[in-house]
Protein backbone atom coordinates (compact mmCIF):
# COMPACT_ATOMS: atom_id res chain seq x y z
CA MET A 1 0.00 0.00 0.00
CA THR A 2 1.38 3.42 -0.98
CA ASN A 3 1.88 6.07 1.64
CA GLU A 4 -0.98 8.17 0.26
CA ARG A 5 -3.39 5.23 0.17
CA MET A 6 -2.42 4.33 3.71
CA LYS A 7 -3.25 7.88 4.79
CA GLN A 8 -6.62 7.66 3.06
CA ARG A 9 -7.34 4.39 4.81
CA MET A 10 -6.28 5.84 8.17
CA ARG A 11 -8.65 8.78 7.64
CA LEU A 12 -11.53 6.37 7.01
CA ASN A 13 -10.53 4.23 9.99
CA SER A 14 -10.48 7.31 12.21
CA ALA A 15 -13.84 8.55 10.92
CA MET A 16 -15.56 5.19 11.44
CA THR A 17 -14.02 4.77 14.88
CA GLN A 18 -15.35 8.21 15.83
CA LEU A 19 -18.79 7.39 14.43
CA VAL A 20 -18.99 4.28 16.61
CA ALA A 21 -17.62 6.10 19.66
CA ASP A 22 -20.21 8.87 19.30
CA TYR A 23 -23.02 6.33 19.05
CA LEU A 24 -21.86 4.37 22.09
CA GLN A 25 -21.53 7.55 24.14
CA GLU A 26 -24.82 9.15 23.12
CA ASN A 27 -27.18 6.44 21.84
CA SER A 28 -26.00 3.02 23.02
CA CYS A 29 -29.48 2.12 24.33
CA ALA A 30 -31.44 3.85 21.54
CA ILE A 31 -32.60 0.61 19.91
CA GLN A 32 -35.72 -0.69 21.65
CA PRO A 33 -37.30 -4.17 21.35
CA GLU A 34 -40.44 -2.81 19.67
CA MET A 35 -38.31 -1.12 16.99
CA VAL A 36 -36.59 -4.41 16.20
CA GLU A 37 -39.87 -6.33 16.12
CA SER A 38 -41.49 -3.76 13.83
CA LEU A 39 -38.62 -3.83 11.33
CA CYS A 40 -38.52 -7.63 11.34
CA GLN A 41 -42.23 -7.78 10.52
CA SER A 42 -42.37 -4.95 7.97
CA CYS A 43 -39.21 -5.87 6.04
CA ASN A 44 -39.02 -9.60 6.76
CA ASN A 45 -35.55 -9.06 8.26
CA SER A 46 -33.75 -11.38 10.63
CA GLN A 47 -33.29 -9.97 14.11
CA THR A 48 -29.58 -9.31 13.54
CA ASP A 49 -30.22 -7.59 10.19
CA ALA A 50 -32.87 -5.43 11.83
CA VAL A 51 -30.58 -4.38 14.67
CA TYR A 52 -27.75 -3.71 12.20
CA THR A 53 -30.03 -1.52 10.06
CA LEU A 54 -31.29 0.42 13.08
CA PHE A 55 -27.74 0.95 14.31
CA CYS A 56 -26.65 2.33 10.93
CA ILE A 57 -29.62 4.71 10.75
CA LEU A 58 -29.17 5.97 14.32
CA ALA A 59 -25.41 6.33 13.82
CA GLY A 60 -26.02 8.58 10.81
CA LEU A 61 -25.34 6.17 7.94
CA ASP A 62 -27.92 6.44 5.14
CA ILE A 63 -27.52 2.91 3.83
CA ASP A 64 -30.64 3.09 1.62
CA ASP A 65 -29.93 6.19 -0.47
CA ASN A 66 -26.24 6.98 -0.03
CA PRO A 67 -23.93 4.49 -1.82
CA GLN A 68 -20.84 5.74 0.03
CA HIS A 69 -22.51 5.25 3.41
CA ARG A 70 -23.72 1.80 2.37
CA TYR A 71 -20.22 0.84 1.23
CA LEU A 72 -18.67 2.00 4.52
CA ALA A 73 -21.29 0.19 6.59
CA GLU A 74 -20.84 -3.04 4.64
CA GLN A 75 -17.05 -2.88 4.85
CA TYR A 76 -16.62 -1.68 8.43
CA ILE A 77 -19.73 -2.59 10.42
CA LYS A 78 -21.55 -5.56 8.92
CA PRO A 79 -18.77 -8.21 8.92
CA GLY A 80 -18.35 -8.17 12.69
CA PHE A 81 -21.90 -7.34 13.74
CA ARG A 82 -23.15 -10.12 16.03
CA HIS A 83 -26.05 -11.32 18.13
CA LEU A 84 -24.21 -12.31 21.30
CA SER A 85 -25.07 -15.36 23.38
CA ALA A 86 -25.36 -14.63 27.09
CA GLU A 87 -24.79 -18.30 27.88
CA GLU A 88 -21.42 -18.28 26.13
CA TYR A 89 -20.12 -15.74 28.63
CA LYS A 90 -21.97 -17.02 31.67
CA THR A 91 -20.22 -20.38 31.29
CA ASP A 92 -16.78 -18.76 31.50
CA ALA A 93 -14.92 -20.54 34.33
CA TYR A 94 -13.94 -17.29 36.03
CA LEU A 95 -17.52 -15.99 36.14
CA GLN A 96 -18.80 -19.36 37.30
CA ASN A 97 -16.29 -19.80 40.11
CA ILE A 98 -15.49 -16.26 41.26
CA HIS A 99 -18.43 -14.55 42.94
CA PHE A 100 -18.79 -10.81 43.39
CA PRO A 101 -21.07 -9.72 46.26
CA GLU A 102 -22.35 -6.16 46.01
CA ILE A 103 -20.25 -4.45 48.68
CA SER A 104 -18.67 -1.13 49.52
CA GLN A 105 -15.48 -1.08 51.56
CA GLY A 106 -13.11 1.85 51.85
CA ASN A 107 -12.41 3.20 48.38
CA TRP A 108 -13.80 0.11 46.69
CA THR A 109 -17.36 -0.65 45.55
CA VAL A 110 -18.59 -3.74 43.72
CA ARG A 111 -21.83 -3.53 41.76
CA TRP A 112 -23.52 -5.66 39.16
CA GLU A 113 -24.21 -3.60 36.06
CA SER A 114 -26.06 -4.67 32.95
CA TYR A 115 -26.35 -4.34 29.21
CA HIS A 116 -29.96 -3.75 28.17
CA PRO A 117 -31.61 -5.77 25.41
CA PHE A 118 -30.35 -4.49 22.03
CA GLU A 119 -27.82 -2.14 23.60
CA ILE A 120 -24.88 -1.93 21.20
CA LEU A 121 -21.47 -2.81 22.63
CA ILE A 122 -17.94 -3.54 21.49
CA TYR A 123 -17.29 -7.23 22.11
CA ASP A 124 -13.73 -7.65 20.78
CA ASP A 125 -10.70 -5.83 19.41
CA TYR A 126 -10.70 -4.51 15.84
CA HIS A 127 -10.53 -6.93 12.94
CA VAL A 128 -8.22 -5.58 10.22
CA ASP A 129 -9.25 -6.73 6.75
CA GLU A 130 -7.07 -7.16 3.67
CA THR A 131 -7.51 -3.49 2.69
CA GLY A 132 -6.36 -2.21 6.08
CA ALA A 133 -9.87 -1.33 7.25
CA GLU A 134 -10.05 -1.51 11.05
CA CYS A 135 -13.48 -2.99 11.57
CA PRO A 136 -15.08 -2.52 15.01
CA GLN A 137 -16.61 -5.68 16.43
CA LEU A 138 -20.10 -4.64 17.51
CA GLY A 139 -22.83 -6.77 18.98
CA TYR A 140 -25.87 -6.93 21.22
CA PHE A 141 -27.71 -9.23 23.61
CA ASP A 142 -31.47 -9.66 23.14
CA THR A 143 -31.97 -10.11 26.88
CA GLU A 144 -30.48 -8.24 29.83
CA TYR A 145 -26.87 -9.29 30.47
CA ARG A 146 -25.43 -8.62 33.92
CA TYR A 147 -21.72 -8.35 34.75
CA PRO A 148 -19.59 -7.49 37.80
CA CYS A 149 -18.01 -4.05 37.93
CA VAL A 150 -15.52 -2.70 40.48
CA TYR A 151 -15.28 1.02 41.26
CA GLU A 152 -12.45 2.85 42.98
CA ASN A 153 -13.45 6.17 44.54
CA GLY A 154 -16.63 6.10 42.49
CA VAL A 155 -14.83 5.66 39.15
CA GLU A 156 -15.15 2.42 37.17
CA TRP A 157 -11.87 0.58 37.56
CA MET A 158 -12.42 -2.88 36.11
CA SER A 159 -15.24 -5.08 34.87
CA VAL A 160 -15.63 -8.54 33.38
CA ILE A 161 -17.43 -7.80 30.13
CA PRO A 162 -17.46 -9.53 26.72
CA SER A 163 -14.73 -7.31 25.27
CA GLU A 164 -12.47 -8.08 28.23
CA ILE A 165 -13.07 -11.80 27.85
CA ASN A 166 -12.70 -11.95 24.06
CA THR A 167 -9.56 -9.82 23.89
CA MET A 168 -7.90 -12.06 26.48
CA ARG A 169 -8.74 -15.42 24.90
CA PRO A 170 -6.16 -15.49 22.06
CA MET A 171 -3.35 -14.70 24.47
CA LEU A 172 -4.53 -17.28 26.98
CA VAL A 173 -4.32 -19.92 24.25
CA LYS A 174 -0.76 -18.93 23.32
CA ALA A 175 0.68 -18.63 26.84
CA TRP A 176 2.66 -21.57 28.23
CA GLY A 177 5.34 -22.58 30.73
CA ARG A 178 6.41 -20.02 33.32
CA VAL A 179 4.24 -16.98 32.72
CA LEU A 180 4.86 -13.45 33.95
CA VAL A 181 1.67 -11.34 33.99
CA CYS A 182 2.22 -7.58 34.06
CA GLY A 183 -0.87 -6.14 35.76
CA LEU A 184 -3.24 -7.90 38.19
CA GLY A 185 -6.64 -6.29 37.63
CA LEU A 186 -9.36 -8.67 38.83
CA GLY A 187 -7.14 -11.67 38.14
CA TYR A 188 -9.12 -12.86 35.11
CA CYS A 189 -6.06 -13.59 33.01
CA ALA A 190 -4.05 -15.12 35.86
CA TYR A 191 -7.00 -17.31 36.87
CA HIS A 192 -7.37 -18.87 33.43
CA LEU A 193 -3.61 -19.30 33.07
CA SER A 194 -3.44 -21.16 36.37
CA ARG A 195 -5.98 -23.68 35.06
CA LYS A 196 -3.91 -24.57 31.98
CA GLU A 197 -1.97 -27.83 32.17
CA ASN A 198 0.92 -26.45 30.12
CA VAL A 199 1.36 -23.47 32.46
CA LYS A 200 3.74 -24.35 35.30
CA GLN A 201 3.78 -21.06 37.18
CA VAL A 202 1.95 -17.72 37.10
CA ILE A 203 3.85 -14.72 38.48
CA VAL A 204 1.82 -11.50 38.62
CA VAL A 205 3.53 -8.13 38.94
CA GLU A 206 1.31 -5.35 40.30
CA LYS A 207 2.51 -1.90 41.29
CA GLU A 208 -0.45 -0.83 43.45
CA ALA A 209 -0.60 -2.24 46.98
CA ALA A 210 -4.32 -1.42 47.26
CA VAL A 211 -5.10 -3.58 44.24
CA ILE A 212 -3.19 -6.53 45.68
CA SER A 213 -4.84 -6.12 49.07
CA TRP A 214 -8.34 -6.02 47.57
CA PHE A 215 -7.59 -9.04 45.38
CA LYS A 216 -6.25 -11.10 48.28
CA GLU A 217 -9.29 -10.32 50.41
CA TRP A 218 -12.09 -10.84 47.90
CA ILE A 219 -10.83 -12.87 44.94
CA LEU A 220 -7.96 -15.12 46.01
CA PRO A 221 -9.95 -17.10 48.64
CA GLN A 222 -12.18 -18.36 45.80
CA TRP A 223 -9.22 -19.38 43.64
CA ASP A 224 -8.47 -22.93 42.56
CA HIS A 225 -4.89 -23.85 41.61
CA SER A 226 -3.61 -21.02 43.80
CA GLU A 227 -0.42 -23.03 44.33
CA LYS A 228 0.70 -21.85 40.87
CA LEU A 229 0.22 -18.16 41.72
CA THR A 230 2.80 -15.69 43.02
CA ILE A 231 2.09 -11.95 43.35
CA ILE A 232 4.89 -9.38 43.44
CA GLN A 233 4.36 -5.72 44.29
CA GLU A 234 6.76 -3.89 42.00
CA ASP A 235 7.06 -2.00 38.73
CA ALA A 236 6.65 -4.43 35.83
CA PHE A 237 9.43 -2.91 33.75
CA ALA A 238 11.91 -3.25 36.61
CA VAL A 239 11.02 -6.93 36.99
CA VAL A 240 11.38 -7.60 33.25
CA ASP A 241 14.74 -5.80 33.22
CA ARG A 242 16.08 -8.23 35.84
CA LEU A 243 14.95 -11.40 34.08
CA LYS A 244 17.52 -13.89 32.88
CA PRO A 245 17.14 -15.08 29.27
CA ASP A 246 15.69 -18.51 30.16
CA GLU A 247 13.80 -17.53 33.31
CA ILE A 248 10.32 -16.89 31.83
CA ASP A 249 8.61 -18.53 28.83
CA THR A 250 5.74 -16.06 28.32
CA ILE A 251 5.27 -12.43 29.33
CA PHE A 252 1.66 -11.28 29.27
CA VAL A 253 1.50 -7.45 29.28
CA ASP A 254 -1.73 -5.78 30.44
CA LEU A 255 -0.80 -2.45 32.03
CA TRP A 256 -3.37 -0.16 30.40
CA HIS A 257 -7.08 0.59 30.26
CA ASN A 258 -7.20 1.32 26.53
CA ALA A 259 -5.02 1.38 23.43
CA ALA A 260 -4.19 5.09 23.68
CA ASP A 261 -2.78 4.55 27.17
CA GLY A 262 -1.14 1.32 26.09
CA ALA A 263 0.74 2.44 22.97
CA PRO A 264 3.73 4.10 24.70
CA LEU A 265 3.88 1.37 27.35
CA ALA A 266 3.82 -1.37 24.71
CA GLN A 267 6.59 0.38 22.80
CA ALA A 268 8.67 0.59 25.96
CA MET A 269 8.18 -3.12 26.63
CA GLN A 270 8.96 -4.08 23.03
CA LEU A 271 12.39 -2.51 23.41
CA ARG A 272 13.12 -5.23 25.97
CA GLU A 273 12.20 -8.16 23.72
CA SER A 274 15.61 -8.46 22.07
CA ARG A 275 17.27 -9.16 25.42
CA LEU A 276 14.91 -12.12 25.98
CA PRO A 277 14.85 -13.85 22.56
CA LYS A 278 13.41 -17.13 23.88
CA THR A 279 10.54 -15.43 25.71
CA GLN A 280 7.15 -14.97 24.07
CA PHE A 281 5.73 -11.45 24.60
CA LEU A 282 1.94 -11.04 24.40
CA TYR A 283 0.22 -7.64 24.52
CA TRP A 284 -3.41 -6.99 25.43
CA LEU A 285 -5.26 -5.01 22.68
CA GLN A 286 -2.36 -5.53 20.27
CA THR A 287 -4.41 -4.70 17.16
CA SER A 288 -5.74 -1.44 18.60
CA ILE A 289 -2.31 -0.48 19.89
CA ASN A 290 -0.81 -1.07 16.44
CA SER A 291 -3.44 1.27 15.03
CA VAL A 292 -2.53 4.01 17.51
CA LEU A 293 1.16 3.59 16.70
CA ARG A 294 0.52 3.80 12.94
CA TRP A 295 -1.55 6.94 13.44
CA ASN A 296 1.12 8.51 15.64
CA GLU A 297 3.78 7.68 13.06
CA ILE A 298 1.88 9.51 10.33
CA ILE A 299 1.24 12.52 12.57
CA ASN A 300 4.91 12.68 13.46
CA GLU A 301 5.75 13.11 9.79
CA ASN A 302 4.24 16.62 10.17
CA GLU A 303 2.00 16.08 7.18
CA GLU A 304 -1.69 16.92 7.05
CA ILE A 305 -3.87 13.87 7.62
């Protein structure tokens, strides 16, 4: 792809990302069950086609009369648009075995939140197609879907939602041996790693003492295979810098809340890969982070995007 075509693609990627972000911020619950039912009956649409059409209309895409809008919707939105199965997520081992009572203690509050029927959500990282289009993975449940959410000082800190689960799964499959996890969170990643037969040890590095304390009080007592788990309170980069070449088989890096936060941290960690050539490095939200880095690279050329 030429430099100019790449810039054109990046402009489209940015515009479509912003369109989705605006919808999720302003209209995520705009689609109501009666709207879906009416469209299914009047146009003989499947439920998913009806929800997709309603999303496009409410997001500002005129897919009936504007060929450009229809093309963008069919390239960016339609391929990944899904009716999500609540049962698929409810059967996740972590959600089945780790229970979250609704509590408030000190700076921490645990509440069960929910996605409403037909509320649009992002369920996975971008899919990048052969043209370089970064396609958001959007979906919906047709019934209420409840999930645990942890707040620190009234601000959402961490939750176990479909996007969290799906973006972790590919890395969980790849991880093996002695695994170093950079970032504790709610322990979702570490929990699943500890259940894998080909994972011998899970070492979690977490900088914040309050996070470790909360985890040990509320999550760890419910843990199976806790004999594999070690938690270290320290800076993840300092720990990686001390590693010997054959000490760790997999490093699982999850130190950020989103790709924008993660891009500089991922770059900093990637600089350490050459010193540990036998170690597999895995990065949460790798596709989105790559997008941010590409965008930053173009901006740094001081050319108009």
